[in-house]
Structure formats: structure tokens, C-alpha cells
Protein backbone atom coordinates (compact mmCIF):
# COMPACT_ATOMS: atom_id res chain seq x y z
CA MET A 1 0.00 0.00 0.00
CA THR A 2 2.89 2.45 0.79
CA LEU A 3 4.71 1.59 -2.43
CA GLN A 4 1.60 2.42 -4.50
CA ARG A 5 1.23 5.87 -2.90
CA PHE A 6 4.90 6.60 -3.43
CA SER A 7 4.57 5.63 -7.12
CA ALA A 8 1.60 7.97 -7.55
CA ILE A 9 3.55 10.89 -6.05
CA LEU A 10 6.46 10.27 -8.41
CA ALA A 11 4.12 10.17 -11.43
CA LEU A 12 2.51 13.47 -10.41
CA PHE A 13 5.90 15.06 -9.94
CA SER A 14 6.95 13.83 -13.39
CA ILE A 15 3.87 15.44 -15.02
CA LEU A 16 4.52 18.72 -13.29
CA THR A 17 8.09 18.66 -14.46
CA VAL A 18 7.15 18.02 -18.10
CA SER A 19 4.52 20.78 -18.04
CA VAL A 20 7.01 23.27 -16.67
CA THR A 21 9.70 22.54 -19.29
CA PRO A 22 8.15 24.43 -22.25
CA ALA A 23 7.66 27.46 -20.02
CA TRP A 24 11.24 27.87 -18.79
CA GLY A 25 13.10 25.92 -21.44
CA ALA A 26 15.16 22.82 -21.21
CA ASN A 27 17.42 22.86 -18.30
CA LYS A 28 20.20 20.44 -17.69
CA GLU A 29 19.28 20.04 -14.02
CA ILE A 30 15.64 19.40 -14.85
CA VAL A 31 16.65 16.80 -17.36
CA GLU A 32 18.84 15.09 -14.78
CA LEU A 33 16.02 15.31 -12.31
CA GLN A 34 13.64 13.77 -14.79
CA THR A 35 16.18 11.03 -15.49
CA GLN A 36 16.49 10.31 -11.78
CA VAL A 37 12.73 10.30 -11.42
CA GLN A 38 12.40 7.80 -14.24
CA GLN A 39 15.06 5.59 -12.71
CA LEU A 40 13.33 5.83 -9.41
CA GLN A 41 10.03 4.91 -11.07
CA GLN A 42 11.64 1.87 -12.67
CA GLN A 43 13.14 0.83 -9.37
CA MET A 44 9.78 1.26 -7.71
CA ILE A 45 8.10 -0.81 -10.39
CA ALA A 46 10.75 -3.53 -9.98
CA MET A 47 10.34 -3.41 -6.20
CA GLN A 48 6.57 -3.60 -6.57
CA ARG A 49 6.91 -6.59 -8.90
CA SER A 50 9.35 -8.31 -6.52
CA PHE A 51 7.10 -7.51 -3.56
CA ASP A 52 4.07 -8.91 -5.36
CA GLU A 53 5.99 -12.06 -6.29
CA ARG A 54 7.20 -12.55 -2.73
CA MET A 55 3.76 -11.89 -1.34
CA GLY A 56 2.34 -14.45 -3.75
CA SER A 57 4.94 -17.00 -2.72
CA MET A 58 4.32 -16.30 0.98
CA LYS A 59 0.58 -16.53 0.46
CA THR A 60 1.05 -19.88 -1.28
CA LEU A 61 3.29 -21.09 1.54
CA VAL A 62 0.82 -19.88 4.17
CA GLU A 63 -2.01 -21.62 2.38
CA GLN A 64 0.05 -24.79 2.12
CA ASP A 65 1.04 -24.59 5.78
CA THR A 66 -2.54 -23.88 6.80
CA ASP A 67 -3.73 -26.86 4.81
CA ALA A 68 -1.03 -29.03 6.34
CA VAL A 69 -1.92 -27.81 9.83
CA ASN A 70 -5.60 -28.50 9.19
CA LYS A 71 -4.81 -31.97 7.95
CA ALA A 72 -2.53 -32.61 10.93
CA THR A 73 -5.19 -31.29 13.31
CA ALA A 74 -7.81 -33.51 11.71
CA ALA A 75 -5.44 -36.49 12.00
CA VAL A 76 -4.76 -35.72 15.67
CA VAL A 77 -8.47 -35.39 16.40
CA ALA A 78 -9.15 -38.67 14.62
CA LEU A 79 -6.31 -40.32 16.52
CA GLN A 80 -7.58 -38.98 19.84
CA ALA A 81 -11.06 -40.24 19.05
CA SER A 82 -9.63 -43.66 18.15
CA ILE A 83 -7.56 -43.79 21.34
CA GLN A 84 -10.54 -42.76 23.46
CA LYS A 85 -12.66 -45.41 21.81
CA GLN A 86 -9.99 -48.04 22.38
CA GLN A 87 -9.59 -46.91 25.97
CA GLY A 88 -13.33 -47.10 26.46
CA ASP A 89 -13.44 -50.59 24.99
CA SER A 90 -10.39 -51.65 27.01
CA SER A 91 -11.85 -50.15 30.18
CA GLY A 92 -15.05 -52.04 29.65
CA LYS A 93 -13.15 -55.27 29.06
CA VAL A 94 -10.93 -54.66 32.08
CA ASP A 95 -13.97 -53.98 34.24
CA GLN A 96 -15.57 -57.15 32.97
CA VAL A 97 -12.44 -59.21 33.62
CA SER A 98 -12.03 -57.59 37.06
CA GLY A 99 -15.59 -58.52 37.92
CA GLN A 100 -14.99 -62.10 36.84
CA ILE A 101 -11.78 -62.28 38.87
CA GLN A 102 -13.55 -60.87 41.94
CA SER A 103 -16.31 -63.41 41.51
CA LEU A 104 -13.72 -66.19 41.31
CA ASN A 105 -11.97 -64.87 44.42
CA ASP A 106 -15.26 -64.83 46.30
CA THR A 107 -15.94 -68.38 45.20
CA MET A 108 -12.45 -69.46 46.26
CA ASP A 109 -12.89 -67.83 49.68
CA GLU A 110 -16.18 -69.61 50.16
CA LEU A 111 -14.60 -72.90 49.12
CA LYS A 112 -11.72 -72.30 51.55
CA VAL A 113 -14.17 -71.72 54.39
CA ARG A 114 -16.08 -74.88 53.51
CA LEU A 115 -12.83 -76.84 53.19
CA ALA A 116 -11.68 -75.56 56.59
CA LYS A 117 -14.97 -76.66 58.14
CA VAL A 118 -14.72 -80.09 56.53
CA SER A 119 -11.07 -80.39 57.65
CA LYS A 120 -12.07 -79.44 61.19
CA GLN A 121 -14.84 -82.02 61.17
CA LEU A 122 -12.43 -84.67 59.88
CA GLU A 123 -9.88 -83.73 62.57
CA ASP A 124 -12.58 -83.94 65.24
CA MET A 125 -13.71 -87.30 63.91
CA GLN A 126 -10.13 -88.57 63.86
CA ALA A 127 -9.50 -87.27 67.38
CA SER A 128 -12.73 -88.87 68.54
CA GLN A 129 -11.81 -92.16 66.90
CA GLN A 130 -8.31 -92.04 68.39
CA SER A 131 -9.74 -91.23 71.82
CA LEU A 132 -12.27 -94.01 71.50
CA ALA A 133 -9.56 -96.39 70.33
CA ALA A 134 -7.36 -95.34 73.26
CA GLN A 135 -10.23 -95.84 75.68
CA GLN A 136 -11.01 -99.23 74.20
CA SER A 137 -7.33 -100.13 74.40
CA GLN A 138 -7.17 -99.01 78.02
CA GLN A 139 -10.34 -100.86 78.84
CA THR A 140 -9.02 -103.95 77.13
CA ALA A 141 -5.71 -103.66 78.95
CA ALA A 142 -7.55 -103.08 82.23
CA GLN A 143 -9.78 -106.07 81.60
CA GLN A 144 -6.78 -108.21 80.78
CA ALA A 145 -4.96 -106.95 83.85
CA MET A 146 -8.00 -107.54 85.99
CA ALA A 147 -8.29 -111.02 84.59
CA GLN A 148 -4.67 -111.66 85.54
CA ALA A 149 -4.80 -109.80 88.89
CA PRO A 150 -5.27 -111.73 92.14
CA PRO A 151 -8.56 -111.24 94.02
CA PRO A 152 -8.55 -107.97 96.02
CA ASP A 153 -8.56 -109.57 99.46
CA VAL A 154 -5.73 -111.92 98.52
CA LEU A 155 -3.62 -109.11 97.04
CA TYR A 156 -4.19 -106.80 100.01
CA ASN A 157 -3.49 -109.49 102.63
CA ASN A 158 -0.28 -110.48 100.85
CA ALA A 159 0.84 -106.83 100.77
CA LEU A 160 0.01 -106.35 104.47
CA ARG A 161 1.83 -109.56 105.39
CA ASP A 162 4.96 -108.48 103.55
CA TYR A 163 4.70 -105.01 105.09
CA ASN A 164 4.63 -106.46 108.60
CA GLY A 165 7.39 -108.88 107.62
CA GLY A 166 9.73 -106.07 106.64
CA LYS A 167 9.68 -106.95 102.95
CA ASN A 168 9.38 -103.32 102.00
CA ASP A 169 10.04 -103.52 98.24
CA LEU A 170 7.63 -106.44 97.76
CA ALA A 171 4.98 -104.77 99.92
CA THR A 172 5.34 -101.52 97.98
CA GLN A 173 4.79 -103.36 94.70
CA GLU A 174 1.75 -105.21 96.05
CA PHE A 175 0.10 -102.10 97.52
CA SER A 176 0.77 -100.31 94.20
CA ASP A 177 -0.85 -103.19 92.28
CA TYR A 178 -3.86 -103.10 94.57
CA ILE A 179 -4.34 -99.36 93.89
CA LYS A 180 -3.96 -100.01 90.14
CA PHE A 181 -6.45 -102.86 90.00
CA TYR A 182 -8.91 -101.77 92.70
CA PRO A 183 -8.63 -97.95 93.00
CA ASN A 184 -12.17 -97.30 94.26
CA THR A 185 -12.31 -99.67 97.22
CA ASP A 186 -11.84 -98.68 100.86
CA LEU A 187 -8.71 -100.78 101.05
CA ALA A 188 -7.19 -98.61 98.31
CA GLY A 189 -7.09 -95.82 100.91
CA ASN A 190 -5.30 -98.17 103.31
CA SER A 191 -2.86 -99.08 100.53
CA TYR A 192 -2.01 -95.38 99.98
CA PHE A 193 -1.44 -95.05 103.72
CA TYR A 194 0.89 -98.05 103.95
CA MET A 195 2.84 -96.85 100.92
CA GLY A 196 3.32 -93.54 102.73
CA GLU A 197 4.43 -95.46 105.81
CA LEU A 198 7.01 -97.40 103.83
CA GLN A 199 8.45 -94.13 102.49
CA PHE A 200 8.34 -92.56 105.97
CA ARG A 201 10.32 -95.54 107.32
CA ALA A 202 12.90 -95.05 104.58
CA GLY A 203 13.24 -91.36 105.50
CA SER A 204 11.61 -90.21 102.22
CA TYR A 205 9.32 -87.76 103.99
CA ALA A 206 8.63 -85.60 100.93
CA ALA A 207 7.59 -88.70 98.94
CA ALA A 208 5.37 -89.93 101.77
CA ILE A 209 3.27 -86.75 101.99
CA PRO A 210 1.44 -87.20 98.62
CA ASN A 211 0.31 -90.68 99.67
CA TYR A 212 -1.05 -89.32 102.95
CA ASP A 213 -2.82 -86.59 100.94
CA GLN A 214 -4.47 -89.27 98.78
CA VAL A 215 -5.98 -90.78 101.92
CA LEU A 216 -7.16 -87.40 103.26
CA GLN A 217 -8.61 -86.20 99.96
CA ASN A 218 -10.19 -89.36 98.56
CA PHE A 219 -10.91 -91.41 101.70
CA PRO A 220 -11.58 -88.83 104.47
CA SER A 221 -13.94 -91.16 106.32
CA GLY A 222 -11.68 -94.23 106.06
CA ASN A 223 -10.11 -95.87 109.10
CA LYS A 224 -6.66 -94.51 108.16
CA ALA A 225 -7.61 -90.83 107.65
CA ALA A 226 -6.71 -89.58 111.15
CA THR A 227 -3.45 -91.52 111.19
CA ALA A 228 -2.57 -90.24 107.70
CA GLN A 229 -3.01 -86.63 108.86
CA LEU A 230 -0.92 -87.24 111.98
CA LYS A 231 1.89 -88.80 109.96
CA LYS A 232 1.70 -86.01 107.40
CA GLY A 233 2.22 -83.50 110.23
CA TYR A 234 5.21 -85.53 111.49
CA ALA A 235 6.67 -85.70 107.96
CA LEU A 236 6.46 -81.92 107.62
CA LEU A 237 8.20 -81.48 110.96
CA GLU A 238 10.95 -83.89 109.89
CA LEU A 239 11.44 -81.74 106.77
CA GLY A 240 11.93 -78.70 109.00
CA LYS A 241 8.58 -77.15 108.01
CA ALA A 242 7.50 -76.36 111.57
CA ASP A 243 4.67 -73.96 110.71
CA GLU A 244 3.11 -76.33 108.19
CA GLY A 245 3.53 -79.30 110.50
CA LYS A 246 1.94 -77.41 113.39
CA ALA A 247 -1.00 -76.37 111.20
CA GLU A 248 -1.52 -79.99 110.10
CA LEU A 249 -1.58 -81.25 113.68
CA GLN A 250 -4.05 -78.54 114.66
CA LYS A 251 -6.32 -79.55 111.76
CA LEU A 252 -6.16 -83.13 112.99
CA ILE A 253 -7.27 -82.09 116.50
CA GLN A 254 -10.17 -80.07 115.07
CA ARG A 255 -11.27 -82.71 112.56
CA TYR A 256 -10.85 -85.82 114.72
CA PRO A 257 -10.95 -84.48 118.30
CA ARG A 258 -11.83 -87.78 120.06
CA THR A 259 -9.26 -90.01 118.45
CA ASN A 260 -6.01 -91.37 119.80
CA GLU A 261 -4.26 -89.53 116.96
CA ALA A 262 -5.60 -86.20 118.29
CA LEU A 263 -4.07 -87.00 121.70
CA GLN A 264 -0.73 -87.76 120.05
CA ALA A 265 -0.90 -84.48 118.13
CA LYS A 266 -1.54 -82.51 121.33
CA GLU A 267 1.38 -84.23 123.02
CA ARG A 268 3.68 -83.42 120.11
CA LEU A 269 2.60 -79.78 120.14
CA ARG A 270 3.22 -79.65 123.91
CA LYS A 271 6.72 -81.13 123.70
CA GLY A 272 7.86 -79.03 120.76
CA LEU A 273 8.01 -79.13 116.99
CA GLY A 274 11.61 -80.10 116.36
CA PRO A 275 12.37 -83.00 114.00
CA THR A 276 12.20 -86.26 115.93
CA LYS A 277 11.77 -89.64 114.36
CA GLU A 278 8.93 -91.72 115.64
């Protein structure tokens, strides 16, 4: 736009120059000026032509670039749409697969719970069978032992005879057998007592006390209960446990106040609680 205005000004100046020439005559300076103006006009025309050519080329390039950009944009949009579609399809498939996997996991968990219950039931059944088998085995062994054991009165009398005869090891074995074969009879309490007595004789006071306790706990109304408590008190005193021995003798006096054993306990408390063998 600026080049066109400049060209118009040069043309107007050229006309004015030509119109003035006849009036003042040809002048060398005017001629040179006209020559310069013509040259300038030619240069302007050449510049205009070059400018137009460059503008045309730039326009073509811009159009080409715009077309390329539009095509690229369209391709990107199409690609984005394709990717979104694929993602949507993949997401749907993934969700479907995830749901199936979760369902399988739930089923597996339920199967594990059921399997655990079945395993527990089998273990209980096995334990019950083993317990039953053990009981049957024990009962069978007990029945066999009972079948081989001497009658209770014979076994007890033999043990008592050997006890009085000083056959301590044999008497201990016989009293032990009586307790094993006939644990619920009254004479079982007597057998515990005599086993305690055998250990007391041997100086095994600590071992004697549990046998005396068996008499006191399981046969408190038996004919050896008071004697068992008296001898337990003596055994504690022999072990140097004066307080415990004293307490045991006092229990004896309170529990069996009219017995000969109560009198012996009172006498021992009166004399003192030092260790003294019977």
C-alpha cells in the first residue's frame, strides 16, 4: 500500500516537471532530475513486482502450511477419538475381567471356608476315633490286667503280710498293684497309707506326703484318715517345716478331736516341733 502511494507521487511530480519545461526551457538540471525520477520509477516498479511475487509466494506457503496444519489437526483429532474409543473398549473389558476375577476370588474364599470346616470335622472325627480307640485299648488292657490280677482280698493281705514282715520292696509293689487294680475300694485308701508309711520308714518324707494326701482327699472317712493326717504332720516337721507341721496337727485335732491320733498331736505340740523320728 505504501509503495503504491509513493509511485503515484512520483508520477505526479513527473507530469509537473514536463509541463514546466516548455515554459522555462530545457534545463540540464531538470533533465537530470527527470532522469532520476524515471530511474526511481523503474526501481519502484521492480520493487513492486518483486514484492508482489514474494507476497504471492508467501501466500502460497501460508495456504500450504494452513492446509497441512488442518490436515494434521484432523489427523490428531481422529487419533484422539480412536484412542478414546480403544480406551473405552479396554476399560469395559478390564472392568468385565475384574468382575470375573472378583467373583472367582469370592468363590475361592467360600470354598476355603467350607474346606476348613470339613477339615475341622475330619480332625474332630479322627480325634474322637483315636480317643475311642485309646479308651477301648485301656479298657481292654484293664480287663486283661483284671483277669490276671489276684482277688482284692488276697492281694491286700499279701501286701500287708509283707509289710509287717519287713519286705518293704515287695509290699510296695503289692500295695501299688492293689491301687492299680482296685482304686475305688476302701482298702485302696489303706494301701495309699501303707505306701506312705514305707516311704516314711525309709526317711523319704517328701515322697510320703502325697500318699497321705491321697488318703485325706479321697478317703476322708476311712479308718486310716486320722493316722494319715498325723503322719503327714510328722513328715512336715521332719522336713523342718515347723509352721506347716503345726498347722496340720491342729487340723487333725479339730477334725478328729476324740481319736487317739488327736491326743498324740496334742502331746507333740506340747513337747515341741523339732524334728524327731517316731
